[in-house]
PDB file of N, CA and C in Angstrom:
ATOM      1  N   MET A   1      -8.757  -4.735  -5.788  1.00  0.00           N
ATOM      2  CA  MET A   1      -8.734  -6.040  -5.169  1.00  0.00           C
ATOM      3  C   MET A   1     -10.135  -6.639  -5.285  1.00  0.00           C
ATOM      4  N   LYS A   2     -10.190  -7.905  -5.477  1.00  0.00           N
ATOM      5  CA  LYS A   2     -11.477  -8.577  -5.597  1.00  0.00           C
ATOM      6  C   LYS A   2     -12.232  -8.525  -4.273  1.00  0.00           C
ATOM      7  N   GLN A   3     -13.546  -8.414  -4.379  1.00  0.00           N
ATOM      8  CA  GLN A   3     -14.394  -8.317  -3.184  1.00  0.00           C
ATOM      9  C   GLN A   3     -14.225  -9.540  -2.289  1.00  0.00           C
ATOM     10  N   GLU A   4     -14.064 -10.726  -2.868  1.00  0.00           N
ATOM     11  CA  GLU A   4     -13.915 -11.931  -2.044  1.00  0.00           C
ATOM     12  C   GLU A   4     -12.617 -11.880  -1.224  1.00  0.00           C
ATOM     13  N   THR A   5     -11.588 -11.260  -1.763  1.00  0.00           N
ATOM     14  CA  THR A   5     -10.329 -11.112  -1.028  1.00  0.00           C
ATOM     15  C   THR A   5     -10.496 -10.114   0.111  1.00  0.00           C
ATOM     16  N   ILE A   6     -11.177  -9.019  -0.171  1.00  0.00           N
ATOM     17  CA  ILE A   6     -11.452  -8.031   0.873  1.00  0.00           C
ATOM     18  C   ILE A   6     -12.256  -8.669   2.006  1.00  0.00           C
ATOM     19  N   GLN A   7     -13.255  -9.447   1.651  1.00  0.00           N
ATOM     20  CA  GLN A   7     -14.088 -10.115   2.662  1.00  0.00           C
ATOM     21  C   GLN A   7     -13.253 -11.116   3.477  1.00  0.00           C
ATOM     22  N   ARG A   8     -12.316 -11.779   2.830  1.00  0.00           N
ATOM     23  CA  ARG A   8     -11.456 -12.731   3.548  1.00  0.00           C
ATOM     24  C   ARG A   8     -10.591 -11.999   4.573  1.00  0.00           C
ATOM     25  N   ILE A   9     -10.050 -10.837   4.196  1.00  0.00           N
ATOM     26  CA  ILE A   9      -9.262 -10.025   5.130  1.00  0.00           C
ATOM     27  C   ILE A   9     -10.136  -9.600   6.304  1.00  0.00           C
ATOM     28  N   ARG A  10     -11.334  -9.129   6.016  1.00  0.00           N
ATOM     29  CA  ARG A  10     -12.247  -8.682   7.077  1.00  0.00           C
ATOM     30  C   ARG A  10     -12.613  -9.828   8.017  1.00  0.00           C
ATOM     31  N   LYS A  11     -12.896 -10.992   7.456  1.00  0.00           N
ATOM     32  CA  LYS A  11     -13.268 -12.158   8.270  1.00  0.00           C
ATOM     33  C   LYS A  11     -12.105 -12.588   9.153  1.00  0.00           C
ATOM     34  N   PHE A  12     -10.902 -12.571   8.625  1.00  0.00           N
ATOM     35  CA  PHE A  12      -9.711 -12.917   9.399  1.00  0.00           C
ATOM     36  C   PHE A  12      -9.617 -12.029  10.638  1.00  0.00           C
ATOM     37  N   THR A  13      -9.797 -10.737  10.443  1.00  0.00           N
ATOM     38  CA  THR A  13      -9.729  -9.779  11.545  1.00  0.00           C
ATOM     39  C   THR A  13     -10.881  -9.996  12.518  1.00  0.00           C
ATOM     40  N   GLU A  14     -12.100 -10.153  12.008  1.00  0.00           N
ATOM     41  CA  GLU A  14     -13.278 -10.347  12.861  1.00  0.00           C
ATOM     42  C   GLU A  14     -13.175 -11.627  13.673  1.00  0.00           C
ATOM     43  N   ASP A  15     -12.765 -12.727  13.038  1.00  0.00           N
ATOM     44  CA  ASP A  15     -12.676 -14.016  13.730  1.00  0.00           C
ATOM     45  C   ASP A  15     -11.713 -13.971  14.914  1.00  0.00           C
ATOM     46  N   ARG A  16     -10.737 -13.113  14.855  1.00  0.00           N
ATOM     47  CA  ARG A  16      -9.727 -13.010  15.904  1.00  0.00           C
ATOM     48  C   ARG A  16      -9.983 -11.846  16.861  1.00  0.00           C
ATOM     49  N   ASP A  17     -11.057 -11.096  16.620  1.00  0.00           N
ATOM     50  CA  ASP A  17     -11.407  -9.935  17.442  1.00  0.00           C
ATOM     51  C   ASP A  17     -10.241  -8.950  17.533  1.00  0.00           C
ATOM     52  N   TRP A  18      -9.620  -8.686  16.393  1.00  0.00           N
ATOM     53  CA  TRP A  18      -8.461  -7.797  16.346  1.00  0.00           C
ATOM     54  C   TRP A  18      -8.820  -6.360  16.002  1.00  0.00           C
ATOM     55  N   ASP A  19     -10.063  -6.102  15.647  1.00  0.00           N
ATOM     56  CA  ASP A  19     -10.439  -4.728  15.298  1.00  0.00           C
ATOM     57  C   ASP A  19     -10.170  -3.771  16.456  1.00  0.00           C
ATOM     58  N   GLN A  20     -10.269  -4.271  17.676  1.00  0.00           N
ATOM     59  CA  GLN A  20     -10.024  -3.438  18.854  1.00  0.00           C
ATOM     60  C   GLN A  20      -8.605  -2.881  18.892  1.00  0.00           C
ATOM     61  N   PHE A  21      -7.680  -3.516  18.189  1.00  0.00           N
ATOM     62  CA  PHE A  21      -6.289  -3.063  18.149  1.00  0.00           C
ATOM     63  C   PHE A  21      -5.989  -2.217  16.911  1.00  0.00           C
ATOM     64  N   HIS A  22      -6.964  -2.124  16.024  1.00  0.00           N
ATOM     65  CA  HIS A  22      -6.741  -1.480  14.733  1.00  0.00           C
ATOM     66  C   HIS A  22      -7.145  -0.013  14.734  1.00  0.00           C
ATOM     67  N   SER A  23      -6.473   0.778  15.522  1.00  0.00           N
ATOM     68  CA  SER A  23      -6.681   2.220  15.425  1.00  0.00           C
ATOM     69  C   SER A  23      -6.002   2.683  14.142  1.00  0.00           C
ATOM     70  N   PRO A  24      -6.416   3.800  13.584  1.00  0.00           N
ATOM     71  CA  PRO A  24      -5.727   4.300  12.383  1.00  0.00           C
ATOM     72  C   PRO A  24      -4.217   4.434  12.597  1.00  0.00           C
ATOM     73  N   ALA A  25      -3.813   4.931  13.753  1.00  0.00           N
ATOM     74  CA  ALA A  25      -2.376   5.096  14.020  1.00  0.00           C
ATOM     75  C   ALA A  25      -1.660   3.750  14.062  1.00  0.00           C
ATOM     76  N   ASN A  26      -2.250   2.755  14.730  1.00  0.00           N
ATOM     77  CA  ASN A  26      -1.622   1.431  14.787  1.00  0.00           C
ATOM     78  C   ASN A  26      -1.509   0.803  13.406  1.00  0.00           C
ATOM     79  N   LEU A  27      -2.544   0.974  12.596  1.00  0.00           N
ATOM     80  CA  LEU A  27      -2.505   0.410  11.242  1.00  0.00           C
ATOM     81  C   LEU A  27      -1.473   1.125  10.379  1.00  0.00           C
ATOM     82  N   ALA A  28      -1.376   2.443  10.511  1.00  0.00           N
ATOM     83  CA  ALA A  28      -0.360   3.189   9.754  1.00  0.00           C
ATOM     84  C   ALA A  28       1.042   2.741  10.168  1.00  0.00           C
ATOM     85  N   LYS A  29       1.248   2.551  11.458  1.00  0.00           N
ATOM     86  CA  LYS A  29       2.544   2.050  11.935  1.00  0.00           C
ATOM     87  C   LYS A  29       2.840   0.672  11.346  1.00  0.00           C
ATOM     88  N   SER A  30       1.833  -0.188  11.342  1.00  0.00           N
ATOM     89  CA  SER A  30       2.013  -1.539  10.815  1.00  0.00           C
ATOM     90  C   SER A  30       2.344  -1.522   9.328  1.00  0.00           C
ATOM     91  N   ILE A  31       1.729  -0.619   8.578  1.00  0.00           N
ATOM     92  CA  ILE A  31       2.033  -0.497   7.150  1.00  0.00           C
ATOM     93  C   ILE A  31       3.503  -0.131   6.966  1.00  0.00           C
ATOM     94  N   VAL A  32       3.978   0.823   7.734  1.00  0.00           N
ATOM     95  CA  VAL A  32       5.377   1.256   7.623  1.00  0.00           C
ATOM     96  C   VAL A  32       6.330   0.128   8.022  1.00  0.00           C
ATOM     97  N   ILE A  33       6.006  -0.581   9.075  1.00  0.00           N
ATOM     98  CA  ILE A  33       6.844  -1.701   9.521  1.00  0.00           C
ATOM     99  C   ILE A  33       6.924  -2.763   8.435  1.00  0.00           C
ATOM    100  N   GLU A  34       5.777  -3.117   7.866  1.00  0.00           N
ATOM    101  CA  GLU A  34       5.768  -4.139   6.818  1.00  0.00           C
ATOM    102  C   GLU A  34       6.464  -3.633   5.547  1.00  0.00           C
ATOM    103  N   ALA A  35       6.326  -2.345   5.249  1.00  0.00           N
ATOM    104  CA  ALA A  35       7.031  -1.783   4.090  1.00  0.00           C
ATOM    105  C   ALA A  35       8.537  -1.852   4.298  1.00  0.00           C
ATOM    106  N   ALA A  36       8.988  -1.640   5.527  1.00  0.00           N
ATOM    107  CA  ALA A  36      10.419  -1.764   5.824  1.00  0.00           C
ATOM    108  C   ALA A  36      10.877  -3.212   5.647  1.00  0.00           C
ATOM    109  N   GLU A  37      10.042  -4.170   6.028  1.00  0.00           N
ATOM    110  CA  GLU A  37      10.375  -5.579   5.825  1.00  0.00           C
ATOM    111  C   GLU A  37      10.420  -5.907   4.333  1.00  0.00           C
ATOM    112  N   LEU A  38       9.555  -5.288   3.557  1.00  0.00           N
ATOM    113  CA  LEU A  38       9.593  -5.450   2.104  1.00  0.00           C
ATOM    114  C   LEU A  38      10.905  -4.893   1.554  1.00  0.00           C
ATOM    115  N   LEU A  39      11.284  -3.723   1.993  1.00  0.00           N
ATOM    116  CA  LEU A  39      12.534  -3.107   1.547  1.00  0.00           C
ATOM    117  C   LEU A  39      13.740  -3.963   1.930  1.00  0.00           C
ATOM    118  N   GLU A  40      13.657  -4.602   3.074  1.00  0.00           N
ATOM    119  CA  GLU A  40      14.747  -5.459   3.528  1.00  0.00           C
ATOM    120  C   GLU A  40      15.037  -6.587   2.536  1.00  0.00           C
ATOM    121  N   CYS A  41      14.020  -7.011   1.796  1.00  0.00           N
ATOM    122  CA  CYS A  41      14.209  -8.059   0.778  1.00  0.00           C
ATOM    123  C   CYS A  41      15.239  -7.644  -0.274  1.00  0.00           C
ATOM    124  N   PHE A  42      15.423  -6.341  -0.443  1.00  0.00           N
ATOM    125  CA  PHE A  42      16.327  -5.810  -1.455  1.00  0.00           C
ATOM    126  C   PHE A  42      17.560  -5.150  -0.835  1.00  0.00           C
ATOM    127  N   GLN A  43      17.803  -5.416   0.447  1.00  0.00           N
ATOM    128  CA  GLN A  43      18.831  -4.696   1.193  1.00  0.00           C
ATOM    129  C   GLN A  43      20.209  -4.789   0.557  1.00  0.00           C
ATOM    130  N   TRP A  44      20.609  -5.939   0.100  1.00  0.00           N
ATOM    131  CA  TRP A  44      21.971  -6.104  -0.394  1.00  0.00           C
ATOM    132  C   TRP A  44      22.058  -6.290  -1.892  1.00  0.00           C
ATOM    133  N   SER A  45      20.913  -6.373  -2.555  1.00  0.00           N
ATOM    134  CA  SER A  45      20.942  -6.542  -4.007  1.00  0.00           C
ATOM    135  C   SER A  45      19.620  -6.108  -4.619  1.00  0.00           C
ATOM    136  N   ASP A  46      19.716  -5.370  -5.713  1.00  0.00           N
ATOM    137  CA  ASP A  46      18.515  -4.969  -6.450  1.00  0.00           C
ATOM    138  C   ASP A  46      17.984  -6.089  -7.331  1.00  0.00           C
ATOM    139  N   THR A  47      18.803  -7.091  -7.579  1.00  0.00           N
ATOM    140  CA  THR A  47      18.418  -8.136  -8.528  1.00  0.00           C
ATOM    141  C   THR A  47      18.374  -9.535  -7.923  1.00  0.00           C
ATOM    142  N   ASP A  48      19.076  -9.765  -6.835  1.00  0.00           N
ATOM    143  CA  ASP A  48      19.129 -11.092  -6.224  1.00  0.00           C
ATOM    144  C   ASP A  48      18.261 -11.093  -4.971  1.00  0.00           C
ATOM    145  N   TYR A  49      17.001 -11.466  -5.126  1.00  0.00           N
ATOM    146  CA  TYR A  49      16.061 -11.453  -4.008  1.00  0.00           C
ATOM    147  C   TYR A  49      15.165 -12.679  -4.084  1.00  0.00           C
ATOM    148  N   ASP A  50      14.533 -12.986  -2.972  1.00  0.00           N
ATOM    149  CA  ASP A  50      13.623 -14.121  -2.862  1.00  0.00           C
ATOM    150  C   ASP A  50      12.207 -13.627  -3.181  1.00  0.00           C
ATOM    151  N   LEU A  51      11.713 -13.977  -4.361  1.00  0.00           N
ATOM    152  CA  LEU A  51      10.415 -13.493  -4.811  1.00  0.00           C
ATOM    153  C   LEU A  51       9.292 -13.904  -3.858  1.00  0.00           C
ATOM    154  N   GLN A  52       9.363 -15.098  -3.298  1.00  0.00           N
ATOM    155  CA  GLN A  52       8.325 -15.536  -2.358  1.00  0.00           C
ATOM    156  C   GLN A  52       8.297 -14.625  -1.133  1.00  0.00           C
ATOM    157  N   HIS A  53       9.452 -14.276  -0.636  1.00  0.00           N
ATOM    158  CA  HIS A  53       9.517 -13.379   0.519  1.00  0.00           C
ATOM    159  C   HIS A  53       8.985 -11.992   0.159  1.00  0.00           C
ATOM    160  N   VAL A  54       9.317 -11.513  -1.022  1.00  0.00           N
ATOM    161  CA  VAL A  54       8.794 -10.227  -1.501  1.00  0.00           C
ATOM    162  C   VAL A  54       7.268 -10.269  -1.536  1.00  0.00           C
ATOM    163  N   LYS A  55       6.709 -11.342  -2.079  1.00  0.00           N
ATOM    164  CA  LYS A  55       5.249 -11.470  -2.171  1.00  0.00           C
ATOM    165  C   LYS A  55       4.600 -11.463  -0.786  1.00  0.00           C
ATOM    166  N   GLU A  56       5.216 -12.154   0.163  1.00  0.00           N
ATOM    167  CA  GLU A  56       4.665 -12.212   1.516  1.00  0.00           C
ATOM    168  C   GLU A  56       4.669 -10.841   2.181  1.00  0.00           C
ATOM    169  N   GLU A  57       5.764 -10.117   2.056  1.00  0.00           N
ATOM    170  CA  GLU A  57       5.844  -8.791   2.684  1.00  0.00           C
ATOM    171  C   GLU A  57       4.927  -7.789   1.986  1.00  0.00           C
ATOM    172  N   LEU A  58       4.845  -7.858   0.668  1.00  0.00           N
ATOM    173  CA  LEU A  58       3.943  -6.977  -0.073  1.00  0.00           C
ATOM    174  C   LEU A  58       2.495  -7.265   0.309  1.00  0.00           C
ATOM    175  N   ALA A  59       2.161  -8.544   0.481  1.00  0.00           N
ATOM    176  CA  ALA A  59       0.806  -8.911   0.909  1.00  0.00           C
ATOM    177  C   ALA A  59       0.495  -8.325   2.284  1.00  0.00           C
ATOM    178  N   ASP A  60       1.469  -8.345   3.194  1.00  0.00           N
ATOM    179  CA  ASP A  60       1.249  -7.754   4.518  1.00  0.00           C
ATOM    180  C   ASP A  60       0.933  -6.268   4.405  1.00  0.00           C
ATOM    181  N   VAL A  61       1.648  -5.552   3.540  1.00  0.00           N
ATOM    182  CA  VAL A  61       1.384  -4.123   3.327  1.00  0.00           C
ATOM    183  C   VAL A  61      -0.038  -3.929   2.806  1.00  0.00           C
ATOM    184  N   ILE A  62      -0.433  -4.757   1.862  1.00  0.00           N
ATOM    185  CA  ILE A  62      -1.767  -4.636   1.262  1.00  0.00           C
ATOM    186  C   ILE A  62      -2.860  -4.952   2.282  1.00  0.00           C
ATOM    187  N   VAL A  63      -2.668  -5.989   3.088  1.00  0.00           N
ATOM    188  CA  VAL A  63      -3.665  -6.364   4.093  1.00  0.00           C
ATOM    189  C   VAL A  63      -3.841  -5.241   5.110  1.00  0.00           C
ATOM    190  N   TYR A  64      -2.741  -4.719   5.632  1.00  0.00           N
ATOM    191  CA  TYR A  64      -2.864  -3.612   6.581  1.00  0.00           C
ATOM    192  C   TYR A  64      -3.470  -2.376   5.927  1.00  0.00           C
ATOM    193  N   SER A  65      -3.169  -2.154   4.661  1.00  0.00           N
ATOM    194  CA  SER A  65      -3.766  -1.018   3.943  1.00  0.00           C
ATOM    195  C   SER A  65      -5.275  -1.195   3.828  1.00  0.00           C
ATOM    196  N   GLN A  66      -5.732  -2.404   3.538  1.00  0.00           N
ATOM    197  CA  GLN A  66      -7.170  -2.655   3.464  1.00  0.00           C
ATOM    198  C   GLN A  66      -7.818  -2.451   4.824  1.00  0.00           C
ATOM    199  N   ASN A  67      -7.141  -2.889   5.872  1.00  0.00           N
ATOM    200  CA  ASN A  67      -7.677  -2.674   7.220  1.00  0.00           C
ATOM    201  C   ASN A  67      -7.804  -1.182   7.518  1.00  0.00           C
ATOM    202  N   LEU A  68      -6.834  -0.387   7.091  1.00  0.00           N
ATOM    203  CA  LEU A  68      -6.902   1.062   7.314  1.00  0.00           C
ATOM    204  C   LEU A  68      -8.016   1.694   6.479  1.00  0.00           C
ATOM    205  N   LEU A  69      -8.174   1.234   5.250  1.00  0.00           N
ATOM    206  CA  LEU A  69      -9.291   1.706   4.425  1.00  0.00           C
ATOM    207  C   LEU A  69     -10.618   1.460   5.150  1.00  0.00           C
ATOM    208  N   ASP A  70     -10.778   0.253   5.673  1.00  0.00           N
ATOM    209  CA  ASP A  70     -12.008  -0.091   6.388  1.00  0.00           C
ATOM    210  C   ASP A  70     -12.187   0.775   7.623  1.00  0.00           C
ATOM    211  N   LYS A  71     -11.122   0.939   8.383  1.00  0.00           N
ATOM    212  CA  LYS A  71     -11.212   1.705   9.631  1.00  0.00           C
ATOM    213  C   LYS A  71     -11.627   3.147   9.364  1.00  0.00           C
ATOM    214  N   LEU A  72     -11.158   3.721   8.249  1.00  0.00           N
ATOM    215  CA  LEU A  72     -11.459   5.112   7.922  1.00  0.00           C
ATOM    216  C   LEU A  72     -12.670   5.267   7.005  1.00  0.00           C
ATOM    217  N   GLY A  73     -13.281   4.132   6.613  1.00  0.00           N
ATOM    218  CA  GLY A  73     -14.449   4.185   5.742  1.00  0.00           C
ATOM    219  C   GLY A  73     -14.120   4.693   4.345  1.00  0.00           C
ATOM    220  N   LEU A  74     -12.960   4.317   3.838  1.00  0.00           N
ATOM    221  CA  LEU A  74     -12.514   4.788   2.529  1.00  0.00           C
ATOM    222  C   LEU A  74     -12.611   3.695   1.486  1.00  0.00           C
ATOM    223  N   ASP A  75     -12.719   4.111   0.229  1.00  0.00           N
ATOM    224  CA  ASP A  75     -12.779   3.196  -0.906  1.00  0.00           C
ATOM    225  C   ASP A  75     -11.471   3.319  -1.685  1.00  0.00           C
ATOM    226  N   ALA A  76     -10.770   2.197  -1.873  1.00  0.00           N
ATOM    227  CA  ALA A  76      -9.467   2.209  -2.541  1.00  0.00           C
ATOM    228  C   ALA A  76      -9.545   2.801  -3.938  1.00  0.00           C
ATOM    229  N   ASP A  77     -10.522   2.403  -4.737  1.00  0.00           N
ATOM    230  CA  ASP A  77     -10.649   2.926  -6.099  1.00  0.00           C
ATOM    231  C   ASP A  77     -10.829   4.441  -6.084  1.00  0.00           C
ATOM    232  N   GLU A  78     -11.652   4.919  -5.186  1.00  0.00           N
ATOM    233  CA  GLU A  78     -11.932   6.351  -5.117  1.00  0.00           C
ATOM    234  C   GLU A  78     -10.671   7.147  -4.767  1.00  0.00           C
ATOM    235  N   ILE A  79      -9.942   6.711  -3.741  1.00  0.00           N
ATOM    236  CA  ILE A  79      -8.782   7.505  -3.339  1.00  0.00           C
ATOM    237  C   ILE A  79      -7.614   7.349  -4.311  1.00  0.00           C
ATOM    238  N   VAL A  80      -7.482   6.180  -4.929  1.00  0.00           N
ATOM    239  CA  VAL A  80      -6.416   6.013  -5.929  1.00  0.00           C
ATOM    240  C   VAL A  80      -6.706   6.880  -7.142  1.00  0.00           C
ATOM    241  N   ASN A  81      -7.942   6.899  -7.601  1.00  0.00           N
ATOM    242  CA  ASN A  81      -8.287   7.744  -8.749  1.00  0.00           C
ATOM    243  C   ASN A  81      -8.146   9.229  -8.429  1.00  0.00           C
ATOM    244  N   MET A  82      -8.489   9.630  -7.201  1.00  0.00           N
ATOM    245  CA  MET A  82      -8.281  11.010  -6.789  1.00  0.00           C
ATOM    246  C   MET A  82      -6.801  11.374  -6.877  1.00  0.00           C
ATOM    247  N   LYS A  83      -5.949  10.479  -6.370  1.00  0.00           N
ATOM    248  CA  LYS A  83      -4.506  10.735  -6.379  1.00  0.00           C
ATOM    249  C   LYS A  83      -3.942  10.704  -7.797  1.00  0.00           C
ATOM    250  N   MET A  84      -4.441   9.812  -8.628  1.00  0.00           N
ATOM    251  CA  MET A  84      -3.974   9.749 -10.024  1.00  0.00           C
ATOM    252  C   MET A  84      -4.311  11.042 -10.761  1.00  0.00           C
ATOM    253  N   THR A  85      -5.479  11.604 -10.491  1.00  0.00           N
ATOM    254  CA  THR A  85      -5.852  12.887 -11.095  1.00  0.00           C
ATOM    255  C   THR A  85      -4.865  13.966 -10.676  1.00  0.00           C
ATOM    256  N   GLN A  86      -4.522  13.999  -9.399  1.00  0.00           N
ATOM    257  CA  GLN A  86      -3.533  14.963  -8.915  1.00  0.00           C
ATOM    258  C   GLN A  86      -2.178  14.737  -9.593  1.00  0.00           C
ATOM    259  N   ASN A  87      -1.751  13.480  -9.678  1.00  0.00           N
ATOM    260  CA  ASN A  87      -0.462  13.151 -10.292  1.00  0.00           C
ATOM    261  C   ASN A  87      -0.426  13.522 -11.772  1.00  0.00           C
ATOM    262  N   GLU A  88      -1.529  13.305 -12.468  1.00  0.00           N
ATOM    263  CA  GLU A  88      -1.585  13.652 -13.893  1.00  0.00           C
ATOM    264  C   GLU A  88      -1.419  15.153 -14.101  1.00  0.00           C
ATOM    265  N   ARG A  89      -1.950  15.946 -13.164  1.00  0.00           N
ATOM    266  CA  ARG A  89      -1.770  17.401 -13.248  1.00  0.00           C
ATOM    267  C   ARG A  89      -0.332  17.805 -12.912  1.00  0.00           C
ATOM    268  N   LYS A  90       0.236  17.170 -11.898  1.00  0.00           N
ATOM    269  CA  LYS A  90       1.591  17.515 -11.475  1.00  0.00           C
ATOM    270  C   LYS A  90       2.644  17.050 -12.471  1.00  0.00           C
ATOM    271  N   TYR A  91       2.369  15.955 -13.147  1.00  0.00           N
ATOM    272  CA  TYR A  91       3.341  15.356 -14.064  1.00  0.00           C
ATOM    273  C   TYR A  91       2.751  15.224 -15.469  1.00  0.00           C
ATOM    274  N   PRO A  92       2.558  16.334 -16.177  1.00  0.00           N
ATOM    275  CA  PRO A  92       2.013  16.241 -17.528  1.00  0.00           C
ATOM    276  C   PRO A  92       2.985  15.464 -18.428  1.00  0.00           C
ATOM    277  N   ILE A  93       2.414  14.672 -19.322  1.00  0.00           N
ATOM    278  CA  ILE A  93       3.216  13.801 -20.184  1.00  0.00           C
ATOM    279  C   ILE A  93       4.308  14.579 -20.907  1.00  0.00           C
ATOM    280  N   GLU A  94       3.961  15.728 -21.454  1.00  0.00           N
ATOM    281  CA  GLU A  94       4.920  16.479 -22.260  1.00  0.00           C
ATOM    282  C   GLU A  94       6.136  16.952 -21.455  1.00  0.00           C
ATOM    283  N   LYS A  95       6.001  17.055 -20.140  1.00  0.00           N
ATOM    284  CA  LYS A  95       7.133  17.467 -19.309  1.00  0.00           C
ATOM    285  C   LYS A  95       7.788  16.288 -18.586  1.00  0.00           C
ATOM    286  N   ALA A  96       7.007  15.290 -18.250  1.00  0.00           N
ATOM    287  CA  ALA A  96       7.493  14.233 -17.374  1.00  0.00           C
ATOM    288  C   ALA A  96       7.963  12.970 -18.090  1.00  0.00           C
ATOM    289  N   LYS A  97       7.587  12.777 -19.329  1.00  0.00           N
ATOM    290  CA  LYS A  97       7.914  11.528 -20.015  1.00  0.00           C
ATOM    291  C   LYS A  97       9.431  11.317 -20.068  1.00  0.00           C
ATOM    292  N   GLY A  98       9.866  10.195 -19.503  1.00  0.00           N
ATOM    293  CA  GLY A  98      11.273   9.846 -19.492  1.00  0.00           C
ATOM    294  C   GLY A  98      12.106  10.667 -18.529  1.00  0.00           C
ATOM    295  N   ASN A  99      11.466  11.413 -17.652  1.00  0.00           N
ATOM    296  CA  ASN A  99      12.158  12.305 -16.727  1.00  0.00           C
ATOM    297  C   ASN A  99      11.782  11.935 -15.293  1.00  0.00           C
ATOM    298  N   ALA A 100      12.769  11.642 -14.462  1.00  0.00           N
ATOM    299  CA  ALA A 100      12.512  11.217 -13.080  1.00  0.00           C
ATOM    300  C   ALA A 100      12.514  12.375 -12.092  1.00  0.00           C
ATOM    301  N   SER A 101      12.575  13.599 -12.586  1.00  0.00           N
ATOM    302  CA  SER A 101      12.618  14.764 -11.694  1.00  0.00           C
ATOM    303  C   SER A 101      11.302  14.941 -10.949  1.00  0.00           C
ATOM    304  N   LYS A 102      11.388  15.546  -9.772  1.00  0.00           N
ATOM    305  CA  LYS A 102      10.188  15.884  -9.005  1.00  0.00           C
ATOM    306  C   LYS A 102       9.411  16.936  -9.763  1.00  0.00           C
ATOM    307  N   TYR A 103       8.088  16.966  -9.577  1.00  0.00           N
ATOM    308  CA  TYR A 103       7.228  17.871 -10.324  1.00  0.00           C
ATOM    309  C   TYR A 103       7.640  19.332 -10.192  1.00  0.00           C
ATOM    310  N   THR A 104       8.239  19.703  -9.073  1.00  0.00           N
ATOM    311  CA  THR A 104       8.665  21.090  -8.886  1.00  0.00           C
ATOM    312  C   THR A 104       9.883  21.442  -9.744  1.00  0.00           C
ATOM    313  N   GLU A 105      10.512  20.416 -10.325  1.00  0.00           N
ATOM    314  CA  GLU A 105      11.701  20.646 -11.135  1.00  0.00           C
ATOM    315  C   GLU A 105      11.456  20.413 -12.631  1.00  0.00           C
ATOM    316  N   LEU A 106      10.233  20.173 -13.024  1.00  0.00           N
ATOM    317  CA  LEU A 106       9.937  19.906 -14.443  1.00  0.00           C
ATOM    318  C   LEU A 106       9.848  21.203 -15.222  1.00  0.00           C
TER     319      LEU A 106
END
């Protein structure tokens, strides 16, 4: 995410004095709630959905995720790359390509 976007999220929270409500647990709960609202966009159809609504709910997930990153002092690039390294080991191309099985079943 661009630094200016991250700063905008931080300023939004600071201007409203909402950091006091942003415990890691509250932010994790909010991420799950917003993810459920995102899933609701696809509740009755995998193909017939309102893209604007999808974008709004996905943005809510991302904003709360950034708030949790800040609260825990984490860097998104660092933790995503750490996880990608783990995933690359668990799902080697030669075993996983074109296969949706869990890594324990490859």
